[in-house]
Protein backbone atom coordinates (compact mmCIF):
# COMPACT_ATOMS: atom_id res chain seq x y z
CA MET A 1 117.72 19.86 -49.43
CA GLU A 2 115.55 19.00 -46.46
CA ARG A 3 112.24 17.20 -46.86
CA ARG A 4 109.65 17.33 -44.10
CA TYR A 5 106.93 14.74 -43.74
CA MET A 6 104.04 14.36 -41.33
CA ILE A 7 102.82 10.78 -41.14
CA THR A 8 99.66 9.43 -39.50
CA GLY A 9 98.06 6.04 -39.08
CA GLY A 10 97.21 3.91 -36.10
CA GLY A 11 94.92 1.77 -34.02
CA THR A 12 96.40 -1.53 -35.21
CA SER A 13 99.81 -2.79 -36.27
CA GLY A 14 98.36 -3.14 -39.79
CA HIS A 15 98.27 0.67 -39.99
CA ILE A 16 101.34 1.43 -37.88
CA ASN A 17 103.93 -0.93 -39.38
CA PRO A 18 103.46 0.33 -42.97
CA ALA A 19 103.72 3.91 -41.64
CA LEU A 20 106.99 3.12 -39.90
CA ALA A 21 108.25 1.31 -43.00
CA ILE A 22 107.47 4.33 -45.21
CA ALA A 23 109.21 6.66 -42.76
CA GLY A 24 112.30 4.45 -42.88
CA LEU A 25 112.23 4.36 -46.67
CA MET A 26 112.05 8.14 -46.96
CA GLN A 27 114.95 8.55 -44.53
CA GLU A 28 117.08 6.01 -46.40
CA ASP A 29 116.31 7.67 -49.73
CA ALA A 30 117.22 11.11 -48.37
CA GLU A 31 120.53 9.84 -46.98
CA ALA A 32 121.36 8.08 -50.26
CA ASN A 33 120.89 11.37 -52.12
CA GLY A 34 122.76 13.54 -49.64
CA ASP A 35 119.56 15.19 -48.39
CA THR A 36 118.10 15.52 -44.91
CA CYS A 37 114.71 14.29 -43.79
CA ARG A 38 112.62 15.18 -40.75
CA ILE A 39 109.47 13.28 -39.82
CA ILE A 40 106.72 13.85 -37.26
CA PHE A 41 103.99 11.30 -36.56
CA THR A 42 100.52 12.10 -35.25
CA GLY A 43 98.08 9.76 -33.54
CA ARG A 44 96.69 8.82 -30.15
CA LYS A 45 99.16 8.56 -27.29
CA ALA A 46 96.85 6.00 -25.70
CA GLY A 47 96.82 3.90 -28.90
CA LEU A 48 99.33 1.32 -30.09
CA GLU A 49 100.99 4.00 -32.23
CA GLY A 50 101.73 5.94 -29.04
CA GLU A 51 103.93 3.02 -27.98
CA LEU A 52 105.45 1.82 -31.26
CA VAL A 53 106.30 5.13 -32.95
CA PRO A 54 108.43 6.64 -30.14
CA LYS A 55 110.03 3.22 -29.65
CA ALA A 56 111.13 3.38 -33.31
CA GLY A 57 112.81 6.72 -32.61
CA TYR A 58 110.39 9.14 -34.27
CA GLU A 59 108.83 12.36 -32.97
CA PHE A 60 105.21 11.78 -31.98
CA ARG A 61 102.37 14.23 -31.35
CA ASP A 62 99.20 13.22 -29.53
CA VAL A 63 96.15 14.45 -31.44
CA GLU A 64 92.55 14.07 -30.36
CA ALA A 65 90.42 11.63 -32.38
CA LEU A 66 87.64 9.09 -31.88
CA PRO A 67 86.28 6.28 -34.11
CA MET A 68 83.47 7.49 -36.37
CA PRO A 69 80.34 5.28 -36.08
CA SER A 70 78.63 4.28 -39.33
CA LYS A 71 75.16 5.26 -38.00
CA PRO A 72 73.94 8.51 -36.39
CA SER A 73 74.24 8.39 -32.60
CA LEU A 74 75.62 10.30 -29.63
CA LYS A 75 78.97 8.64 -30.35
CA MET A 76 78.95 10.26 -33.81
CA VAL A 77 78.47 13.71 -32.25
CA LYS A 78 81.40 13.07 -29.89
CA ALA A 79 83.53 11.77 -32.78
CA TRP A 80 82.86 14.88 -34.86
CA GLY A 81 83.75 17.06 -31.90
CA ALA A 82 87.02 15.17 -31.41
CA LEU A 83 87.76 15.46 -35.14
CA GLU A 84 87.32 19.24 -35.07
CA ARG A 85 89.51 19.62 -31.97
CA GLY A 86 92.13 17.31 -33.47
CA LYS A 87 91.99 19.26 -36.73
CA LYS A 88 92.78 22.50 -34.87
CA GLN A 89 95.72 20.81 -33.16
CA CYS A 90 97.01 19.63 -36.54
CA MET A 91 96.57 23.06 -38.14
CA LYS A 92 98.95 24.46 -35.52
CA LEU A 93 101.40 21.56 -36.05
CA ILE A 94 101.35 22.15 -39.81
CA ALA A 95 101.89 25.89 -39.38
CA ASP A 96 104.89 25.27 -37.11
CA PHE A 97 106.46 22.32 -38.95
CA LYS A 98 105.66 23.32 -42.56
CA PRO A 99 105.63 19.77 -44.04
CA ASP A 100 106.12 19.10 -47.74
CA CYS A 101 103.25 16.62 -47.52
CA VAL A 102 101.26 14.47 -45.10
CA ILE A 103 101.12 10.70 -45.50
CA SER A 104 98.40 8.45 -44.08
CA THR A 105 98.27 4.68 -43.71
CA GLY A 106 94.72 4.68 -42.37
CA GLY A 107 92.75 4.36 -39.18
CA TYR A 108 90.47 6.91 -37.55
CA VAL A 109 93.50 8.71 -36.05
CA SER A 110 94.40 9.91 -39.55
CA GLY A 111 91.26 12.03 -39.94
CA PRO A 112 92.40 15.20 -38.11
CA LEU A 113 95.76 15.51 -39.90
CA LEU A 114 94.38 14.83 -43.38
CA SER A 115 91.50 17.27 -42.83
CA ALA A 116 93.92 19.93 -41.61
CA ALA A 117 96.26 19.32 -44.55
CA ARG A 118 93.42 19.86 -47.00
CA LYS A 119 92.53 23.16 -45.37
CA ALA A 120 96.18 24.24 -45.42
CA ASN A 121 96.66 23.13 -49.06
CA ILE A 122 99.35 20.62 -48.11
CA PRO A 123 99.58 17.60 -50.49
CA VAL A 124 97.88 14.50 -49.08
CA MET A 125 99.31 11.05 -49.82
CA ILE A 126 97.75 7.78 -48.73
CA HIS A 127 98.96 4.20 -48.52
CA GLU A 128 96.15 1.60 -48.43
CA ALA A 129 97.55 -1.76 -47.36
CA ASN A 130 94.44 -3.92 -47.76
CA ALA A 131 92.57 -5.33 -50.73
CA PHE A 132 89.41 -3.76 -49.28
CA PRO A 133 90.15 -0.11 -48.41
CA GLY A 134 89.34 1.27 -44.97
CA ARG A 135 86.68 3.96 -44.56
CA ALA A 136 89.12 6.69 -43.53
CA ASN A 137 91.46 6.19 -46.48
CA LYS A 138 88.62 5.82 -48.99
CA PHE A 139 86.82 8.98 -47.85
CA LEU A 140 89.93 11.10 -47.42
CA SER A 141 91.45 10.05 -50.76
CA ARG A 142 89.25 12.53 -52.64
CA GLY A 143 91.58 15.03 -54.25
CA ALA A 144 94.66 13.33 -52.75
CA ALA A 145 97.89 13.98 -54.62
CA LEU A 146 98.72 10.26 -54.45
CA VAL A 147 97.22 6.94 -53.35
CA MET A 148 99.59 3.97 -53.06
CA THR A 149 97.99 0.53 -52.89
CA GLY A 150 99.16 -2.74 -51.38
CA PHE A 151 97.05 -4.80 -53.77
CA PRO A 152 96.49 -4.30 -57.52
CA GLY A 153 93.34 -3.16 -59.30
CA GLN A 154 92.20 -0.34 -56.98
CA GLU A 155 92.29 2.52 -59.46
CA GLU A 156 88.49 2.67 -59.72
CA ILE A 157 88.01 2.63 -55.94
CA PHE A 158 90.28 5.67 -55.61
CA SER A 159 89.14 7.33 -58.84
CA LYS A 160 88.83 10.73 -57.14
CA ALA A 161 92.52 10.84 -56.25
CA LYS A 162 94.91 12.62 -58.62
CA LYS A 163 97.13 9.58 -59.01
CA VAL A 164 96.95 5.90 -57.96
CA VAL A 165 100.10 3.73 -57.93
CA TYR A 166 100.30 0.01 -57.11
CA THR A 167 103.36 -0.21 -54.84
CA GLY A 168 102.68 -3.33 -52.80
CA ASN A 169 103.16 -3.46 -49.03
CA PRO A 170 106.63 -2.83 -47.63
CA VAL A 171 108.35 -5.79 -45.92
CA ARG A 172 111.91 -6.27 -44.69
CA GLY A 173 114.39 -7.00 -47.49
CA MET A 174 115.73 -10.08 -45.67
CA MET A 175 112.45 -11.87 -46.46
CA PHE A 176 113.24 -12.14 -50.16
CA GLY A 177 115.35 -14.85 -51.74
CA ARG A 178 114.99 -17.42 -48.98
CA THR A 179 114.89 -21.14 -49.77
CA LYS A 180 113.25 -23.93 -47.82
CA GLU A 181 116.55 -25.79 -47.47
CA GLY A 182 118.52 -22.69 -46.49
CA SER A 183 116.01 -21.63 -43.84
CA ARG A 184 115.86 -25.14 -42.37
CA LYS A 185 119.62 -25.20 -42.14
CA GLU A 186 119.62 -21.83 -40.38
CA LEU A 187 117.00 -23.10 -37.92
CA GLY A 188 118.81 -26.43 -37.46
CA PHE A 189 115.77 -28.37 -38.62
CA ASP A 190 115.92 -31.78 -40.37
CA ASN A 191 115.03 -31.58 -44.08
CA ASP A 192 113.09 -34.85 -43.97
CA ARG A 193 110.69 -33.96 -41.15
CA LYS A 194 107.29 -32.40 -41.79
CA LEU A 195 107.14 -28.89 -40.35
CA VAL A 196 104.09 -26.66 -39.86
CA PHE A 197 104.41 -23.05 -38.75
CA VAL A 198 101.42 -21.29 -37.16
CA MET A 199 101.11 -17.58 -36.39
CA GLY A 200 97.92 -15.77 -35.46
CA GLY A 201 99.15 -12.19 -35.54
CA SER A 202 100.77 -10.06 -32.84
CA LEU A 203 97.95 -10.74 -30.38
CA GLY A 204 97.66 -14.44 -31.22
CA SER A 205 94.58 -16.43 -32.21
CA ALA A 206 92.60 -18.66 -29.86
CA THR A 207 91.09 -20.46 -32.88
CA LEU A 208 94.47 -21.42 -34.34
CA THR A 209 96.06 -22.15 -30.97
CA ASN A 210 93.23 -24.51 -29.97
CA PHE A 211 93.48 -26.25 -33.34
CA VAL A 212 97.20 -26.87 -32.92
CA PHE A 213 96.93 -28.08 -29.33
CA ASP A 214 94.20 -30.55 -30.30
CA PHE A 215 96.03 -31.71 -33.44
CA VAL A 216 99.43 -32.41 -31.90
CA LYS A 217 97.99 -34.54 -29.09
CA LYS A 218 96.75 -37.19 -31.53
CA PRO A 219 99.20 -40.13 -31.79
CA GLU A 220 98.75 -40.39 -35.58
CA HIS A 221 100.18 -36.87 -35.97
CA ARG A 222 103.32 -37.29 -33.86
CA ASP A 223 105.53 -37.28 -36.97
CA ILE A 224 104.46 -33.68 -37.76
CA TYR A 225 106.40 -30.95 -35.94
CA PHE A 226 104.64 -27.67 -35.12
CA VAL A 227 106.09 -24.28 -34.25
CA ILE A 228 103.43 -21.83 -33.05
CA SER A 229 103.64 -18.16 -32.13
CA VAL A 230 100.82 -17.77 -29.58
CA GLY A 231 101.13 -13.98 -29.25
CA LYS A 232 101.78 -11.74 -26.27
CA HIS A 233 98.14 -11.77 -25.14
CA ASN A 234 97.42 -15.47 -25.59
CA SER A 235 94.03 -16.41 -24.11
CA VAL A 236 94.46 -20.19 -24.33
CA GLU A 237 95.77 -22.05 -21.29
CA ILE A 238 99.07 -23.81 -21.95
CA THR A 239 98.90 -26.91 -19.77
CA PRO A 240 101.91 -29.05 -18.74
CA ASP A 241 100.82 -31.92 -21.02
CA VAL A 242 100.94 -29.53 -24.01
CA MET A 243 104.24 -27.99 -22.94
CA ASN A 244 105.87 -31.42 -22.82
CA LEU A 245 104.77 -32.64 -26.25
CA PRO A 246 107.89 -33.59 -28.29
CA ASN A 247 106.42 -32.40 -31.60
CA LEU A 248 105.40 -28.90 -30.49
CA GLU A 249 107.43 -25.72 -29.96
CA ILE A 250 105.57 -22.78 -28.42
CA LYS A 251 106.86 -19.23 -28.76
CA GLU A 252 105.31 -15.99 -27.52
CA TYR A 253 106.65 -13.90 -30.39
CA ILE A 254 108.82 -14.55 -33.44
CA ASP A 255 110.92 -11.70 -34.78
CA ARG A 256 111.97 -13.61 -37.93
CA PRO A 257 108.77 -15.20 -39.24
CA ASP A 258 110.38 -15.30 -42.69
CA LEU A 259 112.69 -18.11 -41.57
CA TYR A 260 109.80 -20.27 -40.41
CA MET A 261 107.46 -19.39 -43.29
CA SER A 262 110.07 -20.37 -45.86
CA ALA A 263 111.25 -23.46 -43.92
CA ALA A 264 107.80 -24.94 -43.25
CA ASP A 265 106.01 -27.43 -45.47
CA CYS A 266 102.93 -25.40 -44.64
CA SER A 267 102.24 -22.18 -42.71
CA ILE A 268 98.85 -21.48 -41.12
CA LEU A 269 98.38 -17.71 -40.86
CA ARG A 270 95.91 -14.89 -40.54
CA ALA A 271 95.57 -12.66 -43.62
CA GLY A 272 96.53 -9.16 -42.63
CA ALA A 273 97.96 -7.08 -45.46
CA VAL A 274 101.55 -7.28 -44.19
CA THR A 275 101.27 -11.03 -43.57
CA CYS A 276 100.08 -11.50 -47.17
CA ALA A 277 103.08 -9.50 -48.40
CA GLU A 278 105.33 -11.72 -46.27
CA ILE A 279 103.71 -14.85 -47.75
CA THR A 280 104.65 -13.77 -51.26
CA ALA A 281 108.09 -12.45 -50.27
CA THR A 282 109.07 -15.74 -48.62
CA GLY A 283 107.29 -18.01 -51.11
CA ALA A 284 105.41 -19.64 -48.23
CA CYS A 285 102.97 -22.48 -48.74
CA ALA A 286 100.14 -20.86 -46.81
CA ILE A 287 96.76 -21.78 -45.44
CA MET A 288 95.14 -18.46 -44.63
CA VAL A 289 92.47 -18.17 -41.92
CA PRO A 290 91.15 -14.59 -42.10
CA TYR A 291 90.36 -12.90 -38.80
CA PRO A 292 86.53 -12.84 -38.87
CA PHE A 293 86.12 -9.57 -36.96
CA ALA A 294 88.43 -7.41 -39.09
CA ALA A 295 86.80 -4.20 -40.32
CA HIS A 296 84.69 -4.91 -43.42
CA ASP A 297 86.09 -8.46 -43.35
CA HIS A 298 89.11 -7.07 -45.22
CA GLN A 299 91.30 -10.07 -44.35
CA THR A 300 89.04 -12.32 -46.42
CA TYR A 301 89.52 -9.96 -49.39
CA ASN A 302 93.29 -10.06 -48.82
CA ALA A 303 93.36 -13.86 -48.63
CA ASN A 304 91.14 -14.34 -51.68
CA SER A 305 93.36 -11.98 -53.68
CA LEU A 306 96.21 -14.48 -53.22
CA ALA A 307 94.18 -17.69 -53.35
CA SER A 308 92.51 -16.69 -56.64
CA LYS A 309 95.98 -16.80 -58.20
CA GLY A 310 96.90 -20.15 -56.63
CA ALA A 311 99.08 -18.57 -53.94
CA GLY A 312 97.41 -20.18 -50.94
CA ILE A 313 94.34 -21.86 -49.49
CA VAL A 314 91.60 -20.00 -47.60
CA VAL A 315 89.81 -21.63 -44.67
CA SER A 316 87.30 -19.64 -42.63
CA ASP A 317 87.68 -19.22 -38.88
CA ASN A 318 84.35 -21.01 -38.42
CA ASP A 319 85.47 -23.97 -40.54
CA VAL A 320 88.55 -24.32 -38.36
CA LYS A 321 86.36 -24.41 -35.27
CA GLN A 322 84.22 -27.09 -36.92
CA GLY A 323 87.23 -29.34 -37.47
CA LYS A 324 87.61 -28.94 -41.24
CA LEU A 325 91.22 -27.72 -41.20
CA GLU A 326 92.67 -31.05 -40.08
CA GLY A 327 91.87 -32.89 -43.31
CA ILE A 328 92.92 -29.95 -45.47
CA LEU A 329 96.28 -29.76 -43.71
CA ILE A 330 96.95 -33.52 -43.92
CA ASP A 331 96.11 -33.56 -47.64
CA LEU A 332 98.47 -30.65 -48.27
CA LEU A 333 101.32 -32.16 -46.24
CA ASN A 334 100.99 -35.35 -48.29
CA ASP A 335 101.12 -33.46 -51.59
CA PRO A 336 104.61 -31.93 -52.14
CA ALA A 337 103.72 -31.03 -55.73
CA ARG A 338 100.84 -28.83 -54.58
CA GLN A 339 103.02 -27.26 -51.92
CA GLU A 340 105.55 -26.31 -54.58
CA SER A 341 102.82 -24.97 -56.86
CA ILE A 342 101.52 -22.69 -54.08
CA ARG A 343 105.05 -21.51 -53.27
CA LYS A 344 105.75 -20.62 -56.89
CA ALA A 345 102.44 -18.81 -57.33
CA GLY A 346 103.14 -16.75 -54.22
CA SER A 347 106.68 -15.90 -55.30
CA ASP A 348 105.40 -14.80 -58.69
CA LEU A 349 103.15 -12.24 -56.95
CA ALA A 350 105.92 -10.77 -54.79
CA ILE A 351 106.73 -7.11 -55.35
CA ARG A 352 110.48 -6.92 -54.86
CA ASP A 353 110.89 -3.19 -55.41
CA THR A 354 108.14 -1.89 -53.13
CA GLY A 355 110.53 0.51 -51.40
CA LYS A 356 111.63 2.03 -54.69
CA ARG A 357 108.03 2.29 -55.92
CA ILE A 358 106.96 4.11 -52.75
CA THR A 359 109.84 6.60 -52.61
CA GLU A 360 109.64 7.37 -56.33
CA ALA A 361 105.86 7.80 -56.23
CA ILE A 362 106.09 10.22 -53.28
CA LYS A 363 108.92 12.24 -54.84
CA GLU A 364 107.14 12.41 -58.19
CA ALA A 365 103.92 13.58 -56.51
CA LEU A 366 105.89 16.21 -54.62
CA GLY A 367 107.38 17.36 -57.91
CA ASN A 368 103.87 17.84 -59.20
CA ASN A 369 102.89 19.71 -56.04
CA PRO A 370 105.64 22.29 -55.42
């Protein structure tokens, strides 16, 4: 049997990475059952999805779409026009490809495909990664065959969908089962030395980078070793005096953050949905600094969802800028018992069968929508 899926989602890696993960899961499941699987993605060629999706080896179709403003304006008129043109493009794609369902992970680029699927009576399935749902997913979930959520307790928010399943957010399997000692050994790092890992997302964070550069220069902190991923578009100048500090390692990008998150005494991170899933998967002792300009401040909702269960500490971006993170970090580094408590609380929240939950939920929904 061949299954055909059209998947959409884009604008940020927080939408794209879950979409790619779901595509991979559906392919793996098909292969395991002796079936075939064909997938087409839609989105904006000029967007990040236009780069990452073809790079991952999937077919990609450029569909017209624009962000929808929250208030009436000329931009809203243009956005509606783009939506209608994109919808027509997707109607033709659906007619040619004949998908079993369409799957969205959010972002304004998903609007045309989901609207076209509704008109063509193709089952709509949505994965919402964040604790605070995005506008596109929330609006387009009405009548959806399935909504999968990255955080628990969202049944009421998506009450107009036919079915809501808490699946968690997909992360790489290698992130589970790591130990602090094992990861330190793999990294070649001394067990007795204090280690702090800092990562501000794929684009980096000036707030976190400035904090680290200021912190490590102080003589009283020379016994604390920092590893920081500054991102590919780092906006903070890396001066020679910083480069030569013996207790600081600067990386542009880290492909295996799980090693560092599990090895560190403390990790200082943003609070994107995937990062939060990685925190629980690795059992990281995390201080979360939500990105303050995320849509609807959803990173704060994500972070508080973990912190309310003891699985991390939340510090606002503004508090970091005001110098409040230094004391919080020192106190945590000097309290191994609290570190262990945070690690355990995070591990207890980890969803270890997310892949199985997602594939089974999609197949079951397809069974209910022949």
